[in-house]
Amino acid sequence: MKIKLSLFAGLVSLLASSVSYAQSGKVYDELTLQSTILDGERKYAIYLPPDYETSERSYPVLYLLHGAGDDQTGWVQFGEVLHITDQAINAGKATPMIIVMPDADTGRRGYFNQIDGKWNYEDFFFEEFMPHIEEKYRIKGEKRYRAISGLSMGGGGSMIYTLHHPELFSSSAPLSAYVGPLSLDEMKRRMDTEQYSDQELQSYYENHNALSLIERIPEEDKNAVRWYIDCGDDDFLYEGNSLVHIAMKKHDIPHEFRIRDGGHTWTYWRKSLPLVLQYVTQAFHQY
């Protein structure tokens, strides 16, 4: 009986130690900062890895952008970022990292500067938000340790941000991305254009359309970023993502292009996130 009790106690101890080993990170989803550029308070959510509070090390960072209709809590509530990232880290498939999820749906919706200059979200992101985050948290500040991803509207944000600033990101992983209007006429149909000149409209279109930006990418930037582009075969944004893949092939821009079974749904993106975490980890490590 003593042997059996001893064996039982040993199993309980082993189980307890394994549970404690599989530690969990933390998510805070109602954090704020004051923006001068956007003239108000901006929200964001953040994932801190399991050992953040017990270590003194600095971490790589992934900026993870939500889609239209969501806010900074989208990846937390529907994307299960805490559970999926913990699981990837504990399984050794992803390195511990900080994940930052800004809110692009307060005041006006979108990740870019508006053509009228009255809502400059992209300026806010690069001039205020990123510096705030990387000063407040223990984040490695080099390009090598910074990545960006997002879904739908946020996929477009991650794609255009990377094309605008390839010097800042080691990896970019747009998911089901809205790549921008596929023609100038399409953009004009979506907005009130009467107050702008043809030159202003053309310039804005070319700077917010992934295909136009890829056409003009400098030779020295073609290998600057590791690209992972992912879109479901039933997604209504499939055409734009496919055209980006073709354009990158044409211009010899290295990238991974994945078409998987699925549509424009959280079921699809929850399956995408572990792949993104593994992909950006490769750059964070010495691959």
C-alpha atoms as a PDB file:
ATOM      1  CA  MET A   1       0.000   0.000   0.000  1.00  0.00           C
ATOM      2  CA  LYS A   2       2.871   2.368   0.858  1.00  0.00           C
ATOM      3  CA  ILE A   3       4.409   1.713  -2.570  1.00  0.00           C
ATOM      4  CA  LYS A   4       1.112   2.483  -4.300  1.00  0.00           C
ATOM      5  CA  LEU A   5       0.648   5.687  -2.306  1.00  0.00           C
ATOM      6  CA  SER A   6       4.207   6.735  -3.066  1.00  0.00           C
ATOM      7  CA  LEU A   7       3.652   6.080  -6.764  1.00  0.00           C
ATOM      8  CA  PHE A   8       0.406   8.055  -6.681  1.00  0.00           C
ATOM      9  CA  ALA A   9       2.120  10.986  -4.941  1.00  0.00           C
ATOM     10  CA  GLY A  10       4.870  10.917  -7.537  1.00  0.00           C
ATOM     11  CA  LEU A  11       2.361  11.065 -10.387  1.00  0.00           C
ATOM     12  CA  VAL A  12       0.544  13.994  -8.743  1.00  0.00           C
ATOM     13  CA  SER A  13       3.856  15.822  -8.312  1.00  0.00           C
ATOM     14  CA  LEU A  14       4.807  15.168 -11.940  1.00  0.00           C
ATOM     15  CA  LEU A  15       1.423  16.397 -13.133  1.00  0.00           C
ATOM     16  CA  ALA A  16       1.673  19.539 -11.005  1.00  0.00           C
ATOM     17  CA  SER A  17       5.148  20.325 -12.300  1.00  0.00           C
ATOM     18  CA  SER A  18       4.057  19.853 -15.925  1.00  0.00           C
ATOM     19  CA  VAL A  19       1.067  22.153 -15.404  1.00  0.00           C
ATOM     20  CA  SER A  20       3.239  24.825 -13.821  1.00  0.00           C
ATOM     21  CA  TYR A  21       5.771  24.464 -16.668  1.00  0.00           C
ATOM     22  CA  ALA A  22       3.100  25.191 -19.301  1.00  0.00           C
ATOM     23  CA  GLN A  23       2.868  28.774 -18.173  1.00  0.00           C
ATOM     24  CA  SER A  24       0.481  31.320 -19.608  1.00  0.00           C
ATOM     25  CA  GLY A  25       1.133  34.783 -20.902  1.00  0.00           C
ATOM     26  CA  LYS A  26      -1.093  37.747 -20.133  1.00  0.00           C
ATOM     27  CA  VAL A  27      -3.331  39.926 -22.282  1.00  0.00           C
ATOM     28  CA  TYR A  28      -4.375  43.485 -21.477  1.00  0.00           C
ATOM     29  CA  ASP A  29      -6.998  44.776 -23.910  1.00  0.00           C
ATOM     30  CA  GLU A  30      -8.030  48.220 -22.661  1.00  0.00           C
ATOM     31  CA  LEU A  31      -4.711  50.063 -22.624  1.00  0.00           C
ATOM     32  CA  THR A  32      -4.504  53.633 -23.924  1.00  0.00           C
ATOM     33  CA  LEU A  33      -2.141  56.347 -25.044  1.00  0.00           C
ATOM     34  CA  GLN A  34      -2.748  59.987 -25.869  1.00  0.00           C
ATOM     35  CA  SER A  35      -2.240  60.978 -29.502  1.00  0.00           C
ATOM     36  CA  THR A  36      -1.403  64.497 -30.611  1.00  0.00           C
ATOM     37  CA  ILE A  37      -1.691  63.544 -34.284  1.00  0.00           C
ATOM     38  CA  LEU A  38      -5.201  62.096 -33.886  1.00  0.00           C
ATOM     39  CA  ASP A  39      -6.143  64.555 -31.151  1.00  0.00           C
ATOM     40  CA  GLY A  40      -7.422  62.062 -28.616  1.00  0.00           C
ATOM     41  CA  GLU A  41      -6.988  58.852 -26.692  1.00  0.00           C
ATOM     42  CA  ARG A  42      -6.154  55.684 -28.604  1.00  0.00           C
ATOM     43  CA  LYS A  43      -6.705  52.134 -27.358  1.00  0.00           C
ATOM     44  CA  TYR A  44      -4.585  49.051 -27.840  1.00  0.00           C
ATOM     45  CA  ALA A  45      -4.250  45.498 -26.558  1.00  0.00           C
ATOM     46  CA  ILE A  46      -1.035  43.659 -25.782  1.00  0.00           C
ATOM     47  CA  TYR A  47       0.048  40.064 -25.221  1.00  0.00           C
ATOM     48  CA  LEU A  48       3.011  39.578 -22.871  1.00  0.00           C
ATOM     49  CA  PRO A  49       4.729  36.167 -22.974  1.00  0.00           C
ATOM     50  CA  PRO A  50       4.726  33.754 -20.007  1.00  0.00           C
ATOM     51  CA  ASP A  51       8.134  34.748 -18.638  1.00  0.00           C
ATOM     52  CA  TYR A  52       7.807  38.514 -19.146  1.00  0.00           C
ATOM     53  CA  GLU A  53       7.224  39.319 -15.460  1.00  0.00           C
ATOM     54  CA  THR A  54       9.903  36.952 -14.142  1.00  0.00           C
ATOM     55  CA  SER A  55      12.732  37.845 -16.532  1.00  0.00           C
ATOM     56  CA  GLU A  56      14.705  40.949 -17.361  1.00  0.00           C
ATOM     57  CA  ARG A  57      15.239  40.164 -21.026  1.00  0.00           C
ATOM     58  CA  SER A  58      13.915  42.113 -23.989  1.00  0.00           C
ATOM     59  CA  TYR A  59      11.620  40.490 -26.562  1.00  0.00           C
ATOM     60  CA  PRO A  60      10.867  40.609 -30.268  1.00  0.00           C
ATOM     61  CA  VAL A  61       7.544  42.165 -31.229  1.00  0.00           C
ATOM     62  CA  LEU A  62       4.714  41.325 -33.606  1.00  0.00           C
ATOM     63  CA  TYR A  63       2.245  44.064 -34.530  1.00  0.00           C
ATOM     64  CA  LEU A  64      -1.069  42.307 -35.207  1.00  0.00           C
ATOM     65  CA  LEU A  65      -3.768  44.367 -36.945  1.00  0.00           C
ATOM     66  CA  HIS A  66      -7.518  43.708 -36.769  1.00  0.00           C
ATOM     67  CA  GLY A  67     -10.037  43.856 -39.603  1.00  0.00           C
ATOM     68  CA  ALA A  68     -12.901  46.212 -40.408  1.00  0.00           C
ATOM     69  CA  GLY A  69     -15.685  46.117 -37.832  1.00  0.00           C
ATOM     70  CA  ASP A  70     -13.408  44.949 -35.019  1.00  0.00           C
ATOM     71  CA  ASP A  71     -11.184  46.879 -32.646  1.00  0.00           C
ATOM     72  CA  GLN A  72      -8.105  46.079 -30.559  1.00  0.00           C
ATOM     73  CA  THR A  73     -10.009  43.252 -28.846  1.00  0.00           C
ATOM     74  CA  GLY A  74     -10.741  41.358 -32.072  1.00  0.00           C
ATOM     75  CA  TRP A  75      -7.652  39.159 -31.999  1.00  0.00           C
ATOM     76  CA  VAL A  76      -8.150  38.682 -28.240  1.00  0.00           C
ATOM     77  CA  GLN A  77     -11.822  37.713 -28.272  1.00  0.00           C
ATOM     78  CA  PHE A  78     -12.249  35.991 -31.644  1.00  0.00           C
ATOM     79  CA  GLY A  79      -8.658  35.204 -32.614  1.00  0.00           C
ATOM     80  CA  GLU A  80      -7.808  33.546 -29.258  1.00  0.00           C
ATOM     81  CA  VAL A  81      -4.356  35.129 -29.362  1.00  0.00           C
ATOM     82  CA  LEU A  82      -3.599  34.219 -25.724  1.00  0.00           C
ATOM     83  CA  HIS A  83      -4.353  30.503 -26.036  1.00  0.00           C
ATOM     84  CA  ILE A  84      -2.795  30.080 -29.495  1.00  0.00           C
ATOM     85  CA  THR A  85       0.401  31.970 -28.682  1.00  0.00           C
ATOM     86  CA  ASP A  86       0.863  30.258 -25.319  1.00  0.00           C
ATOM     87  CA  GLN A  87       0.427  26.906 -27.036  1.00  0.00           C
ATOM     88  CA  ALA A  88       2.961  27.747 -29.769  1.00  0.00           C
ATOM     89  CA  ILE A  89       5.544  29.000 -27.241  1.00  0.00           C
ATOM     90  CA  ASN A  90       5.107  26.044 -24.850  1.00  0.00           C
ATOM     91  CA  ALA A  91       5.435  23.629 -27.781  1.00  0.00           C
ATOM     92  CA  GLY A  92       8.665  25.311 -28.884  1.00  0.00           C
ATOM     93  CA  LYS A  93       7.181  26.337 -32.237  1.00  0.00           C
ATOM     94  CA  ALA A  94       7.364  30.074 -31.511  1.00  0.00           C
ATOM     95  CA  THR A  95       9.824  32.112 -29.522  1.00  0.00           C
ATOM     96  CA  PRO A  96       8.461  34.205 -26.638  1.00  0.00           C
ATOM     97  CA  MET A  97       7.378  37.515 -28.139  1.00  0.00           C
ATOM     98  CA  ILE A  98       5.263  40.557 -27.392  1.00  0.00           C
ATOM     99  CA  ILE A  99       2.172  40.967 -29.595  1.00  0.00           C
ATOM    100  CA  VAL A 100       0.687  44.438 -29.986  1.00  0.00           C
ATOM    101  CA  MET A 101      -2.844  45.015 -31.298  1.00  0.00           C
ATOM    102  CA  PRO A 102      -3.775  48.671 -31.970  1.00  0.00           C
ATOM    103  CA  ASP A 103      -7.330  49.962 -32.369  1.00  0.00           C
ATOM    104  CA  ALA A 104      -8.036  51.379 -35.827  1.00  0.00           C
ATOM    105  CA  ASP A 105     -11.790  51.785 -35.363  1.00  0.00           C
ATOM    106  CA  THR A 106     -12.124  54.672 -32.927  1.00  0.00           C
ATOM    107  CA  GLY A 107     -13.136  57.982 -34.471  1.00  0.00           C
ATOM    108  CA  ARG A 108     -12.642  56.846 -38.061  1.00  0.00           C
ATOM    109  CA  ARG A 109     -11.897  53.437 -39.505  1.00  0.00           C
ATOM    110  CA  GLY A 110      -8.658  52.491 -41.223  1.00  0.00           C
ATOM    111  CA  TYR A 111      -4.876  52.318 -40.970  1.00  0.00           C
ATOM    112  CA  PHE A 112      -3.933  55.033 -43.469  1.00  0.00           C
ATOM    113  CA  ASN A 113      -3.783  58.796 -43.709  1.00  0.00           C
ATOM    114  CA  GLN A 114      -6.934  60.092 -45.358  1.00  0.00           C
ATOM    115  CA  ILE A 115      -6.607  62.020 -48.577  1.00  0.00           C
ATOM    116  CA  ASP A 116      -7.999  65.189 -46.973  1.00  0.00           C
ATOM    117  CA  GLY A 117      -5.285  65.129 -44.293  1.00  0.00           C
ATOM    118  CA  LYS A 118      -7.810  65.242 -41.457  1.00  0.00           C
ATOM    119  CA  TRP A 119      -7.144  61.743 -40.085  1.00  0.00           C
ATOM    120  CA  ASN A 120      -3.502  60.670 -40.317  1.00  0.00           C
ATOM    121  CA  TYR A 121      -3.546  57.223 -38.735  1.00  0.00           C
ATOM    122  CA  GLU A 122      -0.413  56.000 -40.504  1.00  0.00           C
ATOM    123  CA  ASP A 123       1.540  58.985 -39.168  1.00  0.00           C
ATOM    124  CA  PHE A 124       0.191  58.174 -35.693  1.00  0.00           C
ATOM    125  CA  PHE A 125       1.248  54.523 -35.981  1.00  0.00           C
ATOM    126  CA  PHE A 126       4.858  55.217 -36.936  1.00  0.00           C
ATOM    127  CA  GLU A 127       5.497  58.526 -35.168  1.00  0.00           C
ATOM    128  CA  GLU A 128       3.600  57.990 -31.897  1.00  0.00           C
ATOM    129  CA  PHE A 129       2.320  54.454 -31.414  1.00  0.00           C
ATOM    130  CA  MET A 130       5.410  52.366 -32.206  1.00  0.00           C
ATOM    131  CA  PRO A 131       7.774  54.640 -30.223  1.00  0.00           C
ATOM    132  CA  HIS A 132       5.380  54.555 -27.252  1.00  0.00           C
ATOM    133  CA  ILE A 133       5.135  50.754 -27.290  1.00  0.00           C
ATOM    134  CA  GLU A 134       8.847  50.144 -27.743  1.00  0.00           C
ATOM    135  CA  GLU A 135       9.744  52.534 -24.949  1.00  0.00           C
ATOM    136  CA  LYS A 136       7.115  51.292 -22.476  1.00  0.00           C
ATOM    137  CA  TYR A 137       7.789  47.549 -22.902  1.00  0.00           C
ATOM    138  CA  ARG A 138      11.022  45.551 -23.009  1.00  0.00           C
ATOM    139  CA  ILE A 139      11.174  45.249 -26.792  1.00  0.00           C
ATOM    140  CA  LYS A 140      14.231  44.709 -28.972  1.00  0.00           C
ATOM    141  CA  GLY A 141      14.274  47.785 -31.171  1.00  0.00           C
ATOM    142  CA  GLU A 142      16.063  46.454 -34.258  1.00  0.00           C
ATOM    143  CA  LYS A 143      14.318  45.638 -37.549  1.00  0.00           C
ATOM    144  CA  ARG A 144      15.346  41.990 -37.205  1.00  0.00           C
ATOM    145  CA  TYR A 145      13.140  41.603 -34.112  1.00  0.00           C
ATOM    146  CA  ARG A 146      10.062  43.414 -35.464  1.00  0.00           C
ATOM    147  CA  ALA A 147       7.295  41.810 -37.565  1.00  0.00           C
ATOM    148  CA  ILE A 148       3.795  42.740 -38.667  1.00  0.00           C
ATOM    149  CA  SER A 149       0.663  40.821 -39.593  1.00  0.00           C
ATOM    150  CA  GLY A 150      -3.073  41.370 -39.781  1.00  0.00           C
ATOM    151  CA  LEU A 151      -6.303  40.188 -41.352  1.00  0.00           C
ATOM    152  CA  SER A 152      -8.531  41.732 -44.044  1.00  0.00           C
ATOM    153  CA  MET A 153      -8.334  45.528 -43.535  1.00  0.00           C
ATOM    154  CA  GLY A 154      -5.452  44.793 -41.152  1.00  0.00           C
ATOM    155  CA  GLY A 155      -3.890  42.499 -43.738  1.00  0.00           C
ATOM    156  CA  GLY A 156      -3.900  45.449 -46.102  1.00  0.00           C
ATOM    157  CA  GLY A 157      -2.480  47.622 -43.352  1.00  0.00           C
ATOM    158  CA  SER A 158       0.371  45.190 -42.716  1.00  0.00           C
ATOM    159  CA  MET A 159       1.090  44.866 -46.449  1.00  0.00           C
ATOM    160  CA  ILE A 160       1.103  48.599 -47.241  1.00  0.00           C
ATOM    161  CA  TYR A 161       2.976  49.515 -44.048  1.00  0.00           C
ATOM    162  CA  THR A 162       5.723  47.056 -44.995  1.00  0.00           C
ATOM    163  CA  LEU A 163       5.911  48.357 -48.567  1.00  0.00           C
ATOM    164  CA  HIS A 164       6.121  51.917 -47.213  1.00  0.00           C
ATOM    165  CA  HIS A 165       8.730  50.998 -44.566  1.00  0.00           C
ATOM    166  CA  PRO A 166      10.705  47.867 -45.508  1.00  0.00           C
ATOM    167  CA  GLU A 167      13.516  49.148 -43.283  1.00  0.00           C
ATOM    168  CA  LEU A 168      11.395  48.552 -40.155  1.00  0.00           C
ATOM    169  CA  PHE A 169      10.109  44.966 -40.452  1.00  0.00           C
ATOM    170  CA  SER A 170      11.936  41.663 -40.811  1.00  0.00           C
ATOM    171  CA  SER A 171       8.755  39.744 -41.707  1.00  0.00           C
ATOM    172  CA  SER A 172       5.300  40.654 -42.958  1.00  0.00           C
ATOM    173  CA  ALA A 173       2.388  38.214 -42.927  1.00  0.00           C
ATOM    174  CA  PRO A 174      -0.805  39.668 -44.459  1.00  0.00           C
ATOM    175  CA  LEU A 175      -3.825  37.387 -44.052  1.00  0.00           C
ATOM    176  CA  SER A 176      -6.825  37.623 -46.413  1.00  0.00           C
ATOM    177  CA  ALA A 177      -5.575  41.120 -47.167  1.00  0.00           C
ATOM    178  CA  TYR A 178      -7.508  43.938 -48.757  1.00  0.00           C
ATOM    179  CA  VAL A 179      -4.659  45.011 -51.041  1.00  0.00           C
ATOM    180  CA  GLY A 180      -6.230  48.347 -51.974  1.00  0.00           C
ATOM    181  CA  PRO A 181      -8.482  49.301 -54.895  1.00  0.00           C
ATOM    182  CA  LEU A 182      -7.495  47.370 -57.995  1.00  0.00           C
ATOM    183  CA  SER A 183      -8.027  50.401 -60.228  1.00  0.00           C
ATOM    184  CA  LEU A 184      -8.222  54.172 -59.954  1.00  0.00           C
ATOM    185  CA  ASP A 185     -11.871  54.028 -61.056  1.00  0.00           C
ATOM    186  CA  GLU A 186     -12.639  51.630 -58.189  1.00  0.00           C
ATOM    187  CA  MET A 187     -11.088  54.035 -55.695  1.00  0.00           C
ATOM    188  CA  LYS A 188     -13.083  56.947 -57.126  1.00  0.00           C
ATOM    189  CA  ARG A 189     -16.325  54.997 -56.727  1.00  0.00           C
ATOM    190  CA  ARG A 190     -15.562  54.476 -53.028  1.00  0.00           C
ATOM    191  CA  MET A 191     -14.927  58.109 -52.122  1.00  0.00           C
ATOM    192  CA  ASP A 192     -16.062  61.667 -52.754  1.00  0.00           C
ATOM    193  CA  THR A 193     -13.537  62.777 -55.371  1.00  0.00           C
ATOM    194  CA  GLU A 194     -14.952  66.079 -56.627  1.00  0.00           C
ATOM    195  CA  GLN A 195     -12.749  68.243 -54.402  1.00  0.00           C
ATOM    196  CA  TYR A 196      -9.467  66.634 -55.526  1.00  0.00           C
ATOM    197  CA  SER A 197      -7.430  67.014 -58.692  1.00  0.00           C
ATOM    198  CA  ASP A 198      -6.660  64.061 -60.950  1.00  0.00           C
ATOM    199  CA  GLN A 199      -3.027  64.306 -59.876  1.00  0.00           C
ATOM    200  CA  GLU A 200      -3.921  64.118 -56.167  1.00  0.00           C
ATOM    201  CA  LEU A 201      -6.176  61.118 -56.757  1.00  0.00           C
ATOM    202  CA  GLN A 202      -3.556  59.334 -58.861  1.00  0.00           C
ATOM    203  CA  SER A 203      -0.865  59.906 -56.244  1.00  0.00           C
ATOM    204  CA  TYR A 204      -3.056  58.692 -53.382  1.00  0.00           C
ATOM    205  CA  TYR A 205      -4.087  55.603 -55.365  1.00  0.00           C
ATOM    206  CA  GLU A 206      -0.519  54.658 -56.241  1.00  0.00           C
ATOM    207  CA  ASN A 207       0.608  54.966 -52.620  1.00  0.00           C
ATOM    208  CA  HIS A 208      -2.248  52.897 -51.168  1.00  0.00           C
ATOM    209  CA  ASN A 209      -2.403  50.073 -53.686  1.00  0.00           C
ATOM    210  CA  ALA A 210      -0.090  47.111 -53.154  1.00  0.00           C
ATOM    211  CA  LEU A 211       0.232  46.361 -56.887  1.00  0.00           C
ATOM    212  CA  SER A 212       1.370  49.911 -57.682  1.00  0.00           C
ATOM    213  CA  LEU A 213       3.870  49.869 -54.818  1.00  0.00           C
ATOM    214  CA  ILE A 214       5.285  46.502 -55.915  1.00  0.00           C
ATOM    215  CA  GLU A 215       5.744  47.866 -59.449  1.00  0.00           C
ATOM    216  CA  ARG A 216       7.922  50.650 -58.045  1.00  0.00           C
ATOM    217  CA  ILE A 217       9.846  48.729 -55.392  1.00  0.00           C
ATOM    218  CA  PRO A 218      13.571  49.585 -55.556  1.00  0.00           C
ATOM    219  CA  GLU A 219      15.962  46.778 -56.442  1.00  0.00           C
ATOM    220  CA  GLU A 220      17.723  47.059 -53.080  1.00  0.00           C
ATOM    221  CA  ASP A 221      14.438  46.461 -51.207  1.00  0.00           C
ATOM    222  CA  LYS A 222      13.369  43.294 -53.005  1.00  0.00           C
ATOM    223  CA  ASN A 223      15.037  41.075 -50.402  1.00  0.00           C
ATOM    224  CA  ALA A 224      14.515  43.405 -47.448  1.00  0.00           C
ATOM    225  CA  VAL A 225      11.486  41.606 -45.975  1.00  0.00           C
ATOM    226  CA  ARG A 226      10.365  38.011 -45.538  1.00  0.00           C
ATOM    227  CA  TRP A 227       6.818  37.822 -46.938  1.00  0.00           C
ATOM    228  CA  TYR A 228       4.136  35.299 -45.947  1.00  0.00           C
ATOM    229  CA  ILE A 229       0.853  35.876 -47.797  1.00  0.00           C
ATOM    230  CA  ASP A 230      -2.128  33.692 -46.870  1.00  0.00           C
ATOM    231  CA  CYS A 231      -5.686  33.693 -48.250  1.00  0.00           C
ATOM    232  CA  GLY A 232      -8.535  31.173 -48.348  1.00  0.00           C
ATOM    233  CA  ASP A 233      -9.685  29.681 -51.640  1.00  0.00           C
ATOM    234  CA  ASP A 234     -13.263  30.832 -50.955  1.00  0.00           C
ATOM    235  CA  ASP A 235     -12.297  34.340 -49.813  1.00  0.00           C
ATOM    236  CA  PHE A 236     -13.837  37.275 -51.721  1.00  0.00           C
ATOM    237  CA  LEU A 237     -10.386  38.949 -51.574  1.00  0.00           C
ATOM    238  CA  TYR A 238      -8.733  36.015 -53.322  1.00  0.00           C
ATOM    239  CA  GLU A 239      -8.219  37.958 -56.588  1.00  0.00           C
ATOM    240  CA  GLY A 240      -6.229  40.784 -55.058  1.00  0.00           C
ATOM    241  CA  ASN A 241      -3.997  38.419 -53.082  1.00  0.00           C
ATOM    242  CA  SER A 242      -3.372  36.310 -56.178  1.00  0.00           C
ATOM    243  CA  LEU A 243      -2.442  39.405 -58.196  1.00  0.00           C
ATOM    244  CA  VAL A 244       0.028  40.429 -55.491  1.00  0.00           C
ATOM    245  CA  HIS A 245       1.595  36.958 -55.676  1.00  0.00           C
ATOM    246  CA  ILE A 246       1.886  37.228 -59.480  1.00  0.00           C
ATOM    247  CA  ALA A 247       3.369  40.736 -59.251  1.00  0.00           C
ATOM    248  CA  MET A 248       5.945  39.618 -56.679  1.00  0.00           C
ATOM    249  CA  LYS A 249       6.905  36.639 -58.865  1.00  0.00           C
ATOM    250  CA  LYS A 250       7.242  38.954 -61.875  1.00  0.00           C
ATOM    251  CA  HIS A 251       9.541  41.316 -59.971  1.00  0.00           C
ATOM    252  CA  ASP A 252      11.581  38.549 -58.305  1.00  0.00           C
ATOM    253  CA  ILE A 253      10.479  39.416 -54.775  1.00  0.00           C
ATOM    254  CA  PRO A 254      10.912  36.337 -52.554  1.00  0.00           C
ATOM    255  CA  HIS A 255       7.742  35.387 -50.711  1.00  0.00           C
ATOM    256  CA  GLU A 256       5.645  32.504 -49.435  1.00  0.00           C
ATOM    257  CA  PHE A 257       2.114  32.319 -50.864  1.00  0.00           C
ATOM    258  CA  ARG A 258      -0.436  30.031 -49.243  1.00  0.00           C
ATOM    259  CA  ILE A 259      -3.934  29.214 -50.449  1.00  0.00           C
ATOM    260  CA  ARG A 260      -5.774  27.025 -47.967  1.00  0.00           C
ATOM    261  CA  ASP A 261      -9.321  25.733 -47.744  1.00  0.00           C
ATOM    262  CA  GLY A 262     -11.589  28.379 -46.230  1.00  0.00           C
ATOM    263  CA  GLY A 263     -13.201  31.773 -46.494  1.00  0.00           C
ATOM    264  CA  HIS A 264     -13.126  35.193 -44.870  1.00  0.00           C
ATOM    265  CA  THR A 265     -13.760  33.871 -41.363  1.00  0.00           C
ATOM    266  CA  TRP A 266     -12.268  33.690 -37.895  1.00  0.00           C
ATOM    267  CA  THR A 267     -12.177  29.906 -38.273  1.00  0.00           C
ATOM    268  CA  TYR A 268      -9.662  30.452 -41.066  1.00  0.00           C
ATOM    269  CA  TRP A 269      -7.593  33.113 -39.252  1.00  0.00           C
ATOM    270  CA  ARG A 270      -7.356  31.103 -36.023  1.00  0.00           C
ATOM    271  CA  LYS A 271      -5.649  28.411 -38.095  1.00  0.00           C
ATOM    272  CA  SER A 272      -3.428  31.042 -39.737  1.00  0.00           C
ATOM    273  CA  LEU A 273      -2.070  32.528 -36.517  1.00  0.00           C
ATOM    274  CA  PRO A 274       0.112  29.531 -35.477  1.00  0.00           C
ATOM    275  CA  LEU A 275       1.672  29.559 -38.963  1.00  0.00           C
ATOM    276  CA  VAL A 276       2.377  33.277 -38.672  1.00  0.00           C
ATOM    277  CA  LEU A 277       3.993  32.837 -35.248  1.00  0.00           C
ATOM    278  CA  GLN A 278       6.257  30.103 -36.599  1.00  0.00           C
ATOM    279  CA  TYR A 279       7.164  32.168 -39.658  1.00  0.00           C
ATOM    280  CA  VAL A 280       8.130  35.365 -37.828  1.00  0.00           C
ATOM    281  CA  THR A 281      10.061  33.294 -35.275  1.00  0.00           C
ATOM    282  CA  GLN A 282      12.403  32.163 -38.047  1.00  0.00           C
ATOM    283  CA  ALA A 283      13.554  35.767 -38.513  1.00  0.00           C
ATOM    284  CA  PHE A 284      13.666  36.452 -34.777  1.00  0.00           C
ATOM    285  CA  HIS A 285      16.018  33.478 -34.504  1.00  0.00           C
ATOM    286  CA  GLN A 286      19.100  32.899 -36.661  1.00  0.00           C
ATOM    287  CA  TYR A 287      17.624  30.996 -39.572  1.00  0.00           C
END
